[in-house]
Protein backbone atom coordinates (compact mmCIF):
# COMPACT_ATOMS: atom_id res chain seq x y z
CA MET A 1 223.69 10.15 -125.17
CA PRO A 2 222.88 10.68 -121.55
CA ASN A 3 223.58 14.39 -121.99
CA ARG A 4 221.31 14.57 -125.08
CA SER A 5 218.42 12.88 -123.28
CA ARG A 6 218.71 15.20 -120.35
CA ASN A 7 218.56 18.33 -122.57
CA ALA A 8 215.75 17.13 -124.88
CA SER A 9 212.29 18.75 -124.83
CA PRO A 10 209.68 16.84 -122.89
CA ALA A 11 207.41 16.89 -125.95
CA LEU A 12 210.07 15.16 -128.00
CA SER A 13 211.03 12.84 -125.21
CA SER A 14 210.32 9.30 -125.80
CA GLU A 15 209.16 9.07 -122.24
CA ALA A 16 205.34 9.05 -121.72
CA PRO A 17 203.83 12.14 -119.89
CA SER A 18 202.78 11.60 -116.38
CA PRO A 19 199.06 11.37 -115.51
CA GLU A 20 199.29 14.64 -113.59
CA ALA A 21 200.56 16.45 -116.70
CA LEU A 22 197.83 14.99 -118.83
CA GLY A 23 195.22 16.11 -116.31
CA ARG A 24 196.50 19.64 -116.31
CA LEU A 25 196.48 19.72 -120.12
CA VAL A 26 192.87 18.51 -120.22
CA GLU A 27 191.79 21.08 -117.65
CA GLU A 28 193.52 23.89 -119.54
CA HIS A 29 191.92 22.76 -122.80
CA ALA A 30 188.46 22.65 -121.20
CA ALA A 31 188.94 26.10 -119.66
CA LEU A 32 190.03 27.42 -123.03
CA GLY A 33 186.94 25.92 -124.62
CA GLU A 34 184.69 27.52 -122.01
CA ARG A 35 186.32 30.87 -122.57
CA CYS A 36 185.83 30.50 -126.32
CA ALA A 37 182.19 29.58 -125.80
CA ARG A 38 181.67 32.59 -123.54
CA LEU A 39 183.33 34.84 -126.09
CA GLU A 40 181.15 33.42 -128.84
CA GLU A 41 178.06 33.95 -126.70
CA GLN A 42 179.12 37.50 -125.99
CA ASN A 43 179.73 38.04 -129.69
CA ARG A 44 176.28 36.72 -130.49
CA ALA A 45 174.76 38.97 -127.81
CA LEU A 46 176.69 41.96 -129.16
CA ARG A 47 175.55 41.17 -132.70
CA ALA A 48 171.94 40.79 -131.50
CA GLU A 49 172.16 44.05 -129.59
CA ARG A 50 173.74 45.75 -132.59
CA ASP A 51 170.98 44.42 -134.83
CA HIS A 52 168.39 45.51 -132.31
CA TYR A 53 169.74 49.06 -132.13
CA HIS A 54 170.02 49.12 -135.90
CA TRP A 55 166.39 48.02 -136.12
CA LEU A 56 165.39 50.71 -133.66
CA ALA A 57 167.27 53.34 -135.64
CA GLU A 58 165.71 52.20 -138.92
CA SER A 59 162.23 51.99 -137.41
CA SER A 60 162.29 55.43 -135.80
CA THR A 61 160.31 58.23 -137.47
CA ASP A 62 163.12 60.57 -136.41
CA LEU A 63 166.23 60.87 -138.54
CA ILE A 64 169.17 59.25 -136.71
CA SER A 65 172.53 60.14 -138.19
CA ARG A 66 176.27 60.01 -137.47
CA HIS A 67 178.63 62.71 -138.67
CA ALA A 68 182.34 63.43 -138.91
CA ARG A 69 183.86 66.57 -137.43
CA ASP A 70 183.18 68.53 -140.63
CA GLY A 71 179.51 67.50 -140.62
CA THR A 72 179.84 64.78 -143.28
CA PHE A 73 177.22 62.05 -143.06
CA LEU A 74 178.73 58.75 -141.93
CA TYR A 75 175.35 57.12 -141.40
CA ALA A 76 171.67 58.06 -141.95
CA SER A 77 168.63 56.05 -140.94
CA GLY A 78 165.75 55.14 -143.22
CA ALA A 79 163.64 58.07 -141.98
CA ALA A 80 165.68 60.21 -144.40
CA ARG A 81 163.36 58.95 -147.19
CA ASP A 82 160.19 60.16 -145.48
CA LEU A 83 161.56 63.38 -144.00
CA LEU A 84 163.87 64.60 -146.76
CA GLY A 85 163.26 62.44 -149.81
CA PHE A 86 166.88 61.18 -149.76
CA ALA A 87 167.82 57.52 -149.70
CA PRO A 88 170.20 56.99 -146.76
CA GLU A 89 173.09 56.06 -149.07
CA GLU A 90 172.64 59.35 -150.97
CA LEU A 91 173.59 61.28 -147.84
CA ILE A 92 176.75 59.35 -147.04
CA GLY A 93 179.71 61.62 -147.71
CA VAL A 94 177.55 64.77 -147.96
CA SER A 95 178.21 67.53 -145.45
CA ALA A 96 175.11 68.36 -143.44
CA TYR A 97 176.20 71.99 -143.37
CA ASP A 98 175.65 72.17 -147.15
CA LEU A 99 171.93 71.42 -146.59
CA PHE A 100 171.41 73.98 -143.83
CA HIS A 101 169.39 77.11 -144.62
CA PRO A 102 172.05 79.84 -145.02
CA SER A 103 170.61 81.98 -142.21
CA ASP A 104 170.44 79.06 -139.79
CA LEU A 105 173.95 77.87 -140.69
CA ALA A 106 175.28 81.36 -139.99
CA ASP A 107 173.61 81.30 -136.57
CA LEU A 108 175.21 77.93 -135.79
CA LEU A 109 178.71 78.85 -136.94
CA ASN A 110 178.59 82.18 -135.14
CA LYS A 111 178.22 80.37 -131.83
CA SER A 112 181.26 79.40 -129.84
CA PRO A 113 182.61 75.94 -130.88
CA ARG A 114 182.41 75.07 -127.24
CA ILE A 115 178.62 74.92 -127.54
CA TYR A 116 178.40 72.31 -130.27
CA TYR A 117 181.72 70.46 -129.89
CA HIS A 118 183.37 70.74 -126.51
CA ASP A 119 180.30 70.46 -124.26
CA GLY A 120 179.32 67.22 -125.95
CA PHE A 121 175.55 67.83 -125.99
CA TYR A 122 173.46 70.53 -127.64
CA GLN A 123 170.07 71.15 -129.29
CA GLN A 124 169.20 73.35 -132.24
CA THR A 125 166.13 74.19 -134.31
CA TYR A 126 166.90 75.02 -137.93
CA ARG A 127 165.76 74.57 -141.53
CA PHE A 128 167.17 71.68 -143.55
CA ARG A 129 166.89 71.34 -147.34
CA ALA A 130 165.03 68.31 -148.68
CA LYS A 131 165.78 66.63 -151.97
CA ASP A 132 163.07 68.56 -153.85
CA GLY A 133 164.49 71.89 -152.61
CA HIS A 134 161.96 72.84 -149.94
CA TYR A 135 163.09 73.32 -146.36
CA VAL A 136 162.00 71.24 -143.39
CA TRP A 137 162.15 72.58 -139.85
CA PHE A 138 164.31 70.19 -137.82
CA GLU A 139 164.88 70.05 -134.08
CA THR A 140 168.15 68.15 -133.59
CA THR A 141 169.68 66.77 -130.42
CA SER A 142 173.43 66.11 -130.87
CA ARG A 143 175.99 64.21 -128.79
CA THR A 144 179.76 64.21 -129.49
CA ARG A 145 181.91 61.11 -128.91
CA ARG A 146 185.58 61.45 -128.02
CA ASP A 147 188.51 59.08 -127.51
CA PRO A 148 188.78 58.68 -123.70
CA ALA A 149 192.56 58.60 -123.86
CA SER A 150 193.35 61.37 -126.35
CA GLY A 151 190.13 63.41 -126.22
CA GLU A 152 190.08 63.38 -130.02
CA LEU A 153 186.62 63.83 -131.58
CA ILE A 154 185.45 60.50 -133.00
CA ASP A 155 182.02 61.40 -134.40
CA ILE A 156 178.78 63.28 -133.72
CA LEU A 157 175.51 61.40 -133.16
CA CYS A 158 172.30 63.29 -134.05
CA VAL A 159 168.56 62.65 -133.65
CA SER A 160 166.52 65.03 -135.82
CA ARG A 161 162.75 65.47 -135.65
CA ASP A 162 160.45 67.27 -138.12
CA VAL A 163 158.85 70.09 -136.09
CA SER A 164 157.35 72.02 -139.03
CA ARG A 165 153.77 71.36 -137.89
CA ARG A 166 154.55 72.24 -134.31
CA LEU A 167 156.27 75.49 -135.28
CA ARG A 168 153.37 76.44 -137.56
CA ALA A 169 150.96 75.75 -134.70
CA GLU A 170 153.11 77.83 -132.34
CA ALA A 171 153.26 80.63 -134.91
CA ASN A 172 149.45 80.51 -135.24
CA ARG A 173 149.09 80.62 -131.47
CA GLU A 174 151.44 83.59 -131.28
CA ARG A 175 149.48 85.42 -133.99
CA LEU A 176 146.21 84.68 -132.21
CA ALA A 177 147.73 85.80 -128.92
CA ARG A 178 148.79 89.11 -130.52
CA VAL A 179 145.30 89.54 -131.97
CA VAL A 180 143.68 88.81 -128.60
CA GLU A 181 146.04 91.20 -126.85
CA SER A 182 145.43 94.03 -129.33
CA THR A 183 141.66 93.62 -129.89
CA THR A 184 139.31 96.22 -128.46
CA GLU A 185 137.10 93.50 -127.00
CA PHE A 186 137.57 92.62 -123.35
CA VAL A 187 139.05 89.09 -123.18
CA LEU A 188 139.33 87.19 -119.91
CA PHE A 189 140.48 83.64 -119.08
CA MET A 190 139.14 82.13 -115.87
CA ASP A 191 139.92 78.93 -113.94
CA ASP A 192 137.50 76.72 -112.04
CA GLU A 193 137.86 78.83 -108.87
CA GLU A 194 136.77 82.08 -110.59
CA ARG A 195 140.33 83.42 -110.73
CA LEU A 196 141.12 85.50 -113.83
CA PHE A 197 144.55 84.29 -114.92
CA TYR A 198 144.61 86.39 -118.10
CA ALA A 199 143.16 89.72 -119.20
CA ASN A 200 144.08 91.41 -122.49
CA GLN A 201 145.10 95.05 -122.72
CA ALA A 202 141.54 96.34 -123.30
CA ALA A 203 140.24 94.43 -120.27
CA ARG A 204 143.14 95.57 -118.09
CA HIS A 205 142.44 99.18 -119.07
CA LEU A 206 138.68 98.87 -118.45
CA LEU A 207 139.04 97.12 -115.10
CA GLN A 208 142.10 99.18 -114.13
CA LEU A 209 143.90 96.02 -113.06
CA SER A 210 147.02 96.48 -110.99
CA LEU A 211 146.76 93.26 -109.02
CA PRO A 212 149.28 90.41 -109.50
CA ASP A 213 148.39 87.39 -111.60
CA GLY A 214 145.78 85.20 -109.94
CA ALA A 215 144.64 87.93 -107.53
CA THR A 216 141.84 89.22 -109.80
CA ARG A 217 138.55 87.39 -109.53
CA LEU A 218 135.36 87.20 -111.56
CA SER A 219 133.59 89.44 -109.05
CA ASP A 220 136.10 92.21 -109.87
CA ALA A 221 135.06 92.19 -113.53
CA TYR A 222 131.23 92.02 -113.55
CA VAL A 223 128.49 93.87 -111.73
CA ASP A 224 126.52 91.96 -109.10
CA ALA A 225 123.49 91.20 -111.30
CA SER A 226 125.64 89.83 -114.12
CA LEU A 227 127.79 87.95 -111.63
CA SER A 228 124.67 86.15 -110.38
CA ASP A 229 123.67 85.34 -113.97
CA LEU A 230 127.14 83.99 -114.66
CA ARG A 231 127.06 81.68 -111.66
CA ASP A 232 123.45 80.57 -111.92
CA ILE A 233 122.86 80.44 -115.68
CA VAL A 234 125.93 81.00 -117.85
CA LEU A 235 128.56 78.71 -116.33
CA PRO A 236 126.14 75.74 -115.95
CA ALA A 237 125.15 76.23 -119.61
CA VAL A 238 128.82 76.33 -120.66
CA THR A 239 129.47 73.13 -118.71
CA ARG A 240 126.59 71.42 -120.48
CA TYR A 241 126.75 72.86 -124.00
CA GLY A 242 130.30 74.22 -124.31
CA SER A 243 129.37 77.87 -124.93
CA TRP A 244 126.89 80.66 -124.13
CA SER A 245 126.22 84.13 -125.54
CA GLY A 246 124.14 87.02 -124.27
CA GLU A 247 124.27 90.48 -122.72
CA LEU A 248 125.99 91.20 -119.40
CA ALA A 249 127.44 94.25 -117.66
CA MET A 250 131.09 94.72 -116.65
CA ARG A 251 132.54 97.06 -114.07
CA GLY A 252 133.98 100.24 -115.56
CA PRO A 253 135.70 103.28 -114.07
CA ASP A 254 132.60 105.41 -114.74
CA GLY A 255 129.94 102.82 -114.01
CA PRO A 256 128.55 99.61 -115.56
CA VAL A 257 129.56 98.87 -119.16
CA PRO A 258 126.99 96.82 -121.14
CA VAL A 259 128.69 94.06 -123.13
CA LEU A 260 127.71 91.30 -125.52
CA SER A 261 129.47 88.29 -124.01
CA VAL A 262 130.51 84.94 -125.45
CA VAL A 263 131.63 82.41 -122.83
CA MET A 264 133.38 79.24 -124.05
CA ALA A 265 134.84 76.24 -122.27
CA HIS A 266 138.51 75.48 -122.95
CA SER A 267 138.94 72.18 -124.76
CA GLY A 268 141.73 70.14 -126.28
CA PRO A 269 144.93 68.49 -125.04
CA GLY A 270 146.58 70.17 -122.09
CA THR A 271 143.53 72.17 -121.02
CA GLU A 272 142.41 72.19 -117.41
CA PRO A 273 138.81 71.28 -116.52
CA GLY A 274 136.64 74.23 -115.63
CA HIS A 275 138.72 76.82 -117.52
CA VAL A 276 136.68 79.20 -119.68
CA SER A 277 137.20 82.19 -121.97
CA LEU A 278 134.99 85.28 -121.65
CA LEU A 279 134.89 87.51 -124.74
CA ASN A 280 133.07 90.79 -124.12
CA ARG A 281 132.16 93.39 -126.76
CA ASP A 282 131.30 96.92 -125.65
CA ILE A 283 127.77 97.67 -126.88
CA ARG A 284 127.38 101.16 -125.46
CA LEU A 285 127.49 102.72 -128.91
CA ARG A 286 125.01 100.16 -130.25
CA GLN A 287 122.62 100.78 -127.38
CA ALA A 288 122.96 104.53 -127.87
CA ALA A 289 122.15 104.09 -131.57
CA GLU A 290 119.18 101.89 -130.72
CA GLU A 291 117.95 104.45 -128.19
CA GLN A 292 118.32 107.20 -130.79
CA ALA A 293 116.40 105.07 -133.28
CA ARG A 294 113.65 104.52 -130.70
CA ARG A 295 113.46 108.25 -130.04
CA HIS A 296 113.33 108.90 -133.78
CA GLN A 297 110.58 106.30 -134.15
CA ALA A 298 108.67 107.87 -131.28
CA GLN A 299 108.96 111.27 -132.99
CA ILE A 300 107.67 109.80 -136.25
CA ALA A 301 104.84 108.10 -134.38
CA HIS A 302 104.00 111.40 -132.71
CA ALA A 303 103.99 113.15 -136.08
CA ASN A 304 101.74 110.41 -137.42
CA ARG A 305 99.35 110.90 -134.53
CA LEU A 306 99.28 114.63 -135.24
CA ALA A 307 98.59 113.94 -138.92
CA THR A 308 95.82 111.53 -137.93
CA THR A 309 94.39 114.18 -135.65
CA GLY A 310 94.36 116.60 -138.58
CA GLU A 311 92.36 114.09 -140.56
CA LEU A 312 89.98 113.80 -137.60
CA ALA A 313 89.46 117.58 -137.30
CA SER A 314 86.02 117.40 -138.88
CA ASN A 315 85.07 114.64 -136.44
CA ILE A 316 86.24 116.82 -133.55
CA ALA A 317 84.15 119.71 -134.84
CA HIS A 318 81.16 117.41 -135.09
CA GLU A 319 81.76 116.03 -131.60
CA LEU A 320 81.99 119.56 -130.20
CA ASN A 321 79.03 121.02 -132.09
CA GLN A 322 76.61 118.31 -131.05
CA PRO A 323 77.02 118.64 -127.23
CA LEU A 324 77.33 122.42 -127.48
CA GLY A 325 74.10 122.57 -129.46
CA THR A 326 72.43 120.36 -126.89
CA ILE A 327 73.73 122.56 -124.08
CA GLY A 328 72.31 125.60 -125.85
CA ASN A 329 68.93 123.96 -126.28
CA TYR A 330 68.71 122.91 -122.65
CA ALA A 331 69.85 126.35 -121.52
CA SER A 332 67.14 127.99 -123.63
CA GLY A 333 64.58 125.57 -122.19
CA ALA A 334 65.74 126.42 -118.68
CA LEU A 335 65.27 130.13 -119.37
CA LEU A 336 61.79 129.55 -120.73
CA LYS A 337 60.92 127.54 -117.64
CA LEU A 338 62.11 130.35 -115.45
CA ASP A 339 59.87 132.76 -117.26
CA ALA A 340 56.83 130.51 -117.18
CA ASP A 341 57.21 128.76 -113.83
CA PRO A 342 59.34 130.44 -111.15
CA PRO A 343 59.79 127.37 -108.87
CA ALA A 344 63.40 126.23 -109.16
CA GLU A 345 62.59 122.47 -109.00
CA ALA A 346 61.47 122.54 -112.56
CA LEU A 347 65.01 123.50 -113.62
CA ARG A 348 66.61 120.28 -112.24
CA LEU A 349 66.16 118.11 -115.30
CA PRO A 350 67.47 120.55 -117.93
CA LEU A 351 70.36 121.51 -115.73
CA GLU A 352 71.26 117.84 -115.14
CA GLN A 353 71.22 117.28 -118.87
CA ILE A 354 73.49 120.27 -119.38
CA GLN A 355 75.91 118.82 -116.80
CA GLN A 356 75.97 115.42 -118.56
CA GLN A 357 76.70 116.98 -121.90
CA VAL A 358 79.49 119.10 -120.46
CA GLU A 359 81.05 116.03 -118.87
CA ARG A 360 80.75 114.15 -122.16
CA LEU A 361 82.46 117.00 -123.97
CA GLY A 362 85.26 117.07 -121.39
CA GLU A 363 85.77 113.32 -121.71
CA ARG A 364 86.04 113.58 -125.49
CA LEU A 365 88.52 116.41 -125.27
CA ARG A 366 90.69 114.51 -122.76
CA HIS A 367 90.65 111.45 -124.98
CA ILE A 368 91.71 113.45 -128.04
CA ARG A 369 94.50 115.10 -126.04
CA SER A 370 95.81 111.74 -124.73
CA PHE A 371 95.74 110.39 -128.27
CA VAL A 372 97.89 113.26 -129.54
CA ARG A 373 100.22 113.36 -126.52
CA LYS A 374 103.80 112.23 -127.15
CA GLY A 375 105.00 109.41 -124.94
CA GLN A 376 106.57 105.95 -124.66
CA THR A 377 104.79 102.65 -125.13
CA ARG A 378 103.77 101.21 -121.72
CA PRO A 379 101.98 97.87 -122.19
CA ARG A 380 99.62 96.80 -119.41
CA PRO A 381 96.45 94.71 -119.16
CA VAL A 382 93.60 96.52 -120.98
CA ALA A 383 90.15 95.55 -122.17
CA MET A 384 90.12 95.10 -125.94
CA SER A 385 86.49 96.26 -126.21
CA ASP A 386 87.25 99.61 -124.54
CA VAL A 387 90.07 100.39 -126.97
CA VAL A 388 88.01 99.33 -129.99
CA GLU A 389 85.07 101.46 -128.81
CA ALA A 390 87.31 104.51 -128.37
CA ALA A 391 88.87 104.06 -131.84
CA CYS A 392 85.42 103.65 -133.43
CA ARG A 393 84.16 106.83 -131.76
CA LEU A 394 87.03 108.77 -133.31
CA CYS A 395 86.26 107.45 -136.76
CA GLU A 396 82.46 107.10 -136.74
CA TRP A 397 81.69 110.53 -138.27
CA GLN A 398 83.92 109.87 -141.30
CA TYR A 399 82.17 106.55 -141.78
CA GLN A 400 78.78 108.29 -141.52
CA GLN A 401 79.78 110.86 -144.14
CA ALA A 402 81.06 108.14 -146.51
CA GLY A 403 77.99 105.98 -145.97
CA VAL A 404 80.05 102.97 -144.86
CA ASP A 405 78.89 100.85 -141.95
CA LEU A 406 81.32 100.13 -139.13
CA GLU A 407 80.62 96.82 -137.43
CA PRO A 408 82.60 96.35 -134.20
CA PRO A 409 80.87 93.44 -132.42
CA LEU A 410 83.29 91.80 -129.97
CA GLU A 411 82.99 88.77 -127.75
CA SER A 412 82.28 89.68 -124.15
CA SER A 413 84.29 86.72 -122.88
CA LEU A 414 87.60 87.88 -124.34
CA PRO A 415 90.43 88.21 -121.80
CA ARG A 416 92.26 91.46 -121.34
CA VAL A 417 95.32 91.94 -123.56
CA ILE A 418 98.80 93.26 -122.74
CA ALA A 419 98.98 96.56 -124.65
CA ASP A 420 99.41 100.31 -124.42
CA PRO A 421 95.87 101.62 -124.90
CA VAL A 422 96.93 104.79 -126.75
CA ALA A 423 99.32 102.90 -129.05
CA LEU A 424 96.76 100.17 -129.74
CA GLU A 425 94.13 102.83 -130.43
CA GLN A 426 96.49 104.51 -132.88
CA VAL A 427 96.97 101.19 -134.70
CA LEU A 428 93.19 100.63 -134.89
CA VAL A 429 92.47 104.18 -136.05
CA ASN A 430 95.07 103.79 -138.79
CA LEU A 431 93.58 100.46 -139.90
CA LEU A 432 90.02 101.86 -139.80
CA LEU A 433 90.89 104.96 -141.82
CA ASN A 434 92.81 102.86 -144.37
CA ALA A 435 89.80 100.55 -144.66
CA LEU A 436 87.52 103.58 -145.12
CA GLU A 437 89.72 105.01 -147.87
CA ALA A 438 89.71 101.62 -149.62
CA SER A 439 85.91 101.52 -149.40
CA ARG A 440 85.23 105.02 -150.77
CA ASP A 441 83.71 104.97 -154.26
CA HIS A 442 84.33 101.22 -154.61
CA PRO A 443 81.26 99.37 -155.87
CA GLY A 444 79.83 97.01 -153.27
CA ALA A 445 82.01 98.30 -150.43
CA GLU A 446 79.32 98.90 -147.82
CA ARG A 447 80.91 97.92 -144.52
CA VAL A 448 84.11 97.47 -142.54
CA GLN A 449 84.03 94.69 -139.98
CA ILE A 450 86.03 94.37 -136.75
CA GLN A 451 86.32 90.98 -135.11
CA ALA A 452 88.28 89.67 -132.13
CA ARG A 453 88.84 86.10 -131.06
CA ARG A 454 91.18 83.87 -129.10
CA SER A 455 93.88 82.62 -131.46
CA GLY A 456 95.86 80.69 -128.84
CA ARG A 457 95.97 79.80 -125.17
CA ARG A 458 97.43 83.23 -124.38
CA GLU A 459 96.77 85.10 -127.58
CA VAL A 460 94.00 87.34 -128.93
CA ALA A 461 93.71 88.32 -132.59
CA LEU A 462 91.87 91.45 -133.77
CA THR A 463 90.99 91.69 -137.49
CA VAL A 464 89.86 94.67 -139.57
CA ALA A 465 88.35 93.62 -142.92
CA ASP A 466 87.05 95.85 -145.72
CA GLN A 467 85.29 95.20 -149.03
CA GLY A 468 87.56 97.41 -151.11
CA PRO A 469 89.68 96.52 -154.15
CA GLY A 470 92.21 94.60 -152.03
CA ILE A 471 96.00 94.72 -152.18
CA THR A 472 98.03 93.40 -155.11
CA PRO A 473 100.79 90.82 -154.45
CA ASP A 474 103.61 93.26 -155.28
CA GLN A 475 102.14 95.83 -152.87
CA ALA A 476 101.67 93.16 -150.19
CA GLU A 477 105.42 92.52 -150.13
CA ARG A 478 106.10 96.16 -149.23
CA ILE A 479 102.93 96.99 -147.32
CA PHE A 480 104.76 97.59 -144.01
CA ALA A 481 107.81 99.32 -145.53
CA PRO A 482 108.30 102.98 -144.53
CA PHE A 483 107.13 105.60 -147.09
CA HIS A 484 105.16 103.05 -149.08
CA SER A 485 101.60 104.22 -149.64
CA GLY A 486 98.75 103.18 -151.88
CA ARG A 487 97.37 106.72 -151.85
CA ALA A 488 98.88 109.61 -153.77
CA GLU A 489 98.47 111.97 -150.79
CA GLY A 490 99.59 109.40 -148.18
CA LEU A 491 102.88 109.64 -146.28
CA GLY A 492 103.42 105.87 -146.28
CA MET A 493 104.24 105.79 -142.57
CA GLY A 494 100.94 104.66 -141.01
CA LEU A 495 101.30 100.89 -141.47
CA ALA A 496 105.06 100.98 -140.83
CA ILE A 497 104.52 102.73 -137.50
CA SER A 498 101.57 100.48 -136.64
CA HIS A 499 103.74 97.41 -137.30
CA SER A 500 106.50 98.79 -135.03
CA LEU A 501 104.00 99.67 -132.28
CA MET A 502 102.55 96.16 -132.31
CA GLU A 503 106.04 94.64 -132.01
CA ALA A 504 106.87 97.05 -129.17
CA MET A 505 103.81 95.72 -127.31
CA GLY A 506 104.93 92.11 -127.81
CA GLY A 507 102.50 91.38 -130.63
CA ASN A 508 102.49 91.55 -134.41
CA LEU A 509 100.55 93.01 -137.33
CA ARG A 510 100.18 91.17 -140.62
CA LEU A 511 98.16 91.16 -143.82
CA LEU A 512 96.11 88.03 -144.34
CA PRO A 513 95.97 86.35 -147.77
CA PRO A 514 93.05 87.57 -149.90
CA GLY A 515 89.78 85.67 -149.40
CA GLY A 516 86.95 84.94 -151.76
CA SER A 517 85.03 88.11 -150.91
CA GLY A 518 87.90 90.42 -151.89
CA GLY A 519 89.07 93.41 -149.91
CA ALA A 520 91.97 93.52 -147.44
CA THR A 521 92.11 91.96 -143.99
CA PHE A 522 94.69 92.98 -141.38
CA THR A 523 95.23 91.00 -138.17
CA ALA A 524 96.75 92.46 -135.00
CA THR A 525 97.80 89.78 -132.49
CA LEU A 526 98.49 90.48 -128.82
CA LEU A 527 99.32 88.45 -125.72
CA ALA A 528 96.39 87.87 -123.38
CA GLU A 529 96.56 88.45 -119.66
CA PRO A 530 97.42 85.22 -117.79
CA ASP A 531 94.43 83.39 -116.40
CA HIS A 532 95.48 83.18 -112.73
CA THR A 533 92.20 81.58 -111.72
CA ALA A 534 92.75 78.68 -114.08
CA ALA A 535 96.28 78.32 -112.81
CA ILE A 536 95.09 78.10 -109.22
CA GLN A 537 92.39 75.55 -110.01
CA ARG A 538 94.72 73.34 -112.03
CA PRO A 539 95.47 70.15 -110.00
């Protein structure tokens, strides 16, 4: 018995445990409970963290996926529905490589395995097939996980983003960049310190740029006058309105190059304040064509003046015959005086009259020659009454022969107008002769009236009105068109040239609507000379 009690387990011993043993047991039990509570808390935290990451993965607009070594989907987030049209469970067990575009898969597989397996991190842009068969451009960032002990590949974690829109935008930008680089227009990009940080091929060739990037400045591209306009007018307008267009001049190897420029402020995300684009189109050919057209118009106007002079030949003969006849009469009278009364004082009056008539003849001849002379339009301040009087003198004999009165009363208080006197006279002669032709043989057409009046603060209008048959509506639409004439023998260039001459002088020529008295009324409008006196007196 004693031996049995000595070898028995303390738990089976009938002896009661000591207080010290009970205390230790309670402490151990409490410590175990605390450890269990901490483990449970950790488990709850891990579950909450897992749920949180799962929520993040499911809420992301990017496709988050996990793959086996062979590319098989082990997990796919909910973004698969929006990006590919697949439910996440439809992708589980499917190899991602089967959905790659064949060309992109070949590029991936042709790379060293070290890139996408051994290094543990890689990025790739490729096309991935959606459920409906179309391909989506993906940009995927991948991370491989390995067993720390064995190094064995566990899985591959991927985050894939749809970059189709971005790639299309980049492709558009590249196409636009190629267009800008290859266009014949001179394209420049400038920063807020007037540095040209880009010039396309045409601009580089024109400006002969060999300086490094950022070393070329705006002053190297434009002539001084245009540079001043850019700084004082263009760039402030671009800052305020966003764009500006007009004509400037760039520096070229053989001298200034006129250009039609469009200057635009850069806008949008990522743009720097003060950056602008300068698009410049070479207009040398256009200006040459315009100059040729002006020369051609001047030649036509000269031919028209010669034709008008031919029509005025009878008037010239009349103007010459009258003073020559008067000269002959006074000369005969002088001879008779010499025979009858030898003193020379008696010859003063007839000789003075002869001198006046000779001067009058010379003035008329000079006026006719200046009218016929070929030249450019040079507007300057002229008196309207002087030009009207000269035009009426050229036409008065035709009016006398036709029995039509010419009424040119003008206001004496009219200001001077800005015009070329010869060109304005040509316009008036053309209008007066047209009015005379309309009045010939027309019943009741007895006079042609010229009137001038102020039509604005700085505008004077001159009208020529006849009492002829008038102009029909269909003719009125084409009245100023070249080669359109109401007369069978007319060239149809008089009104067209007159219209162009008025525009060249800063005015206009138009046909007024028919009035109650019939006939045709043309109005020539010109700018009046500024009233400097009124400007000085203004408070």
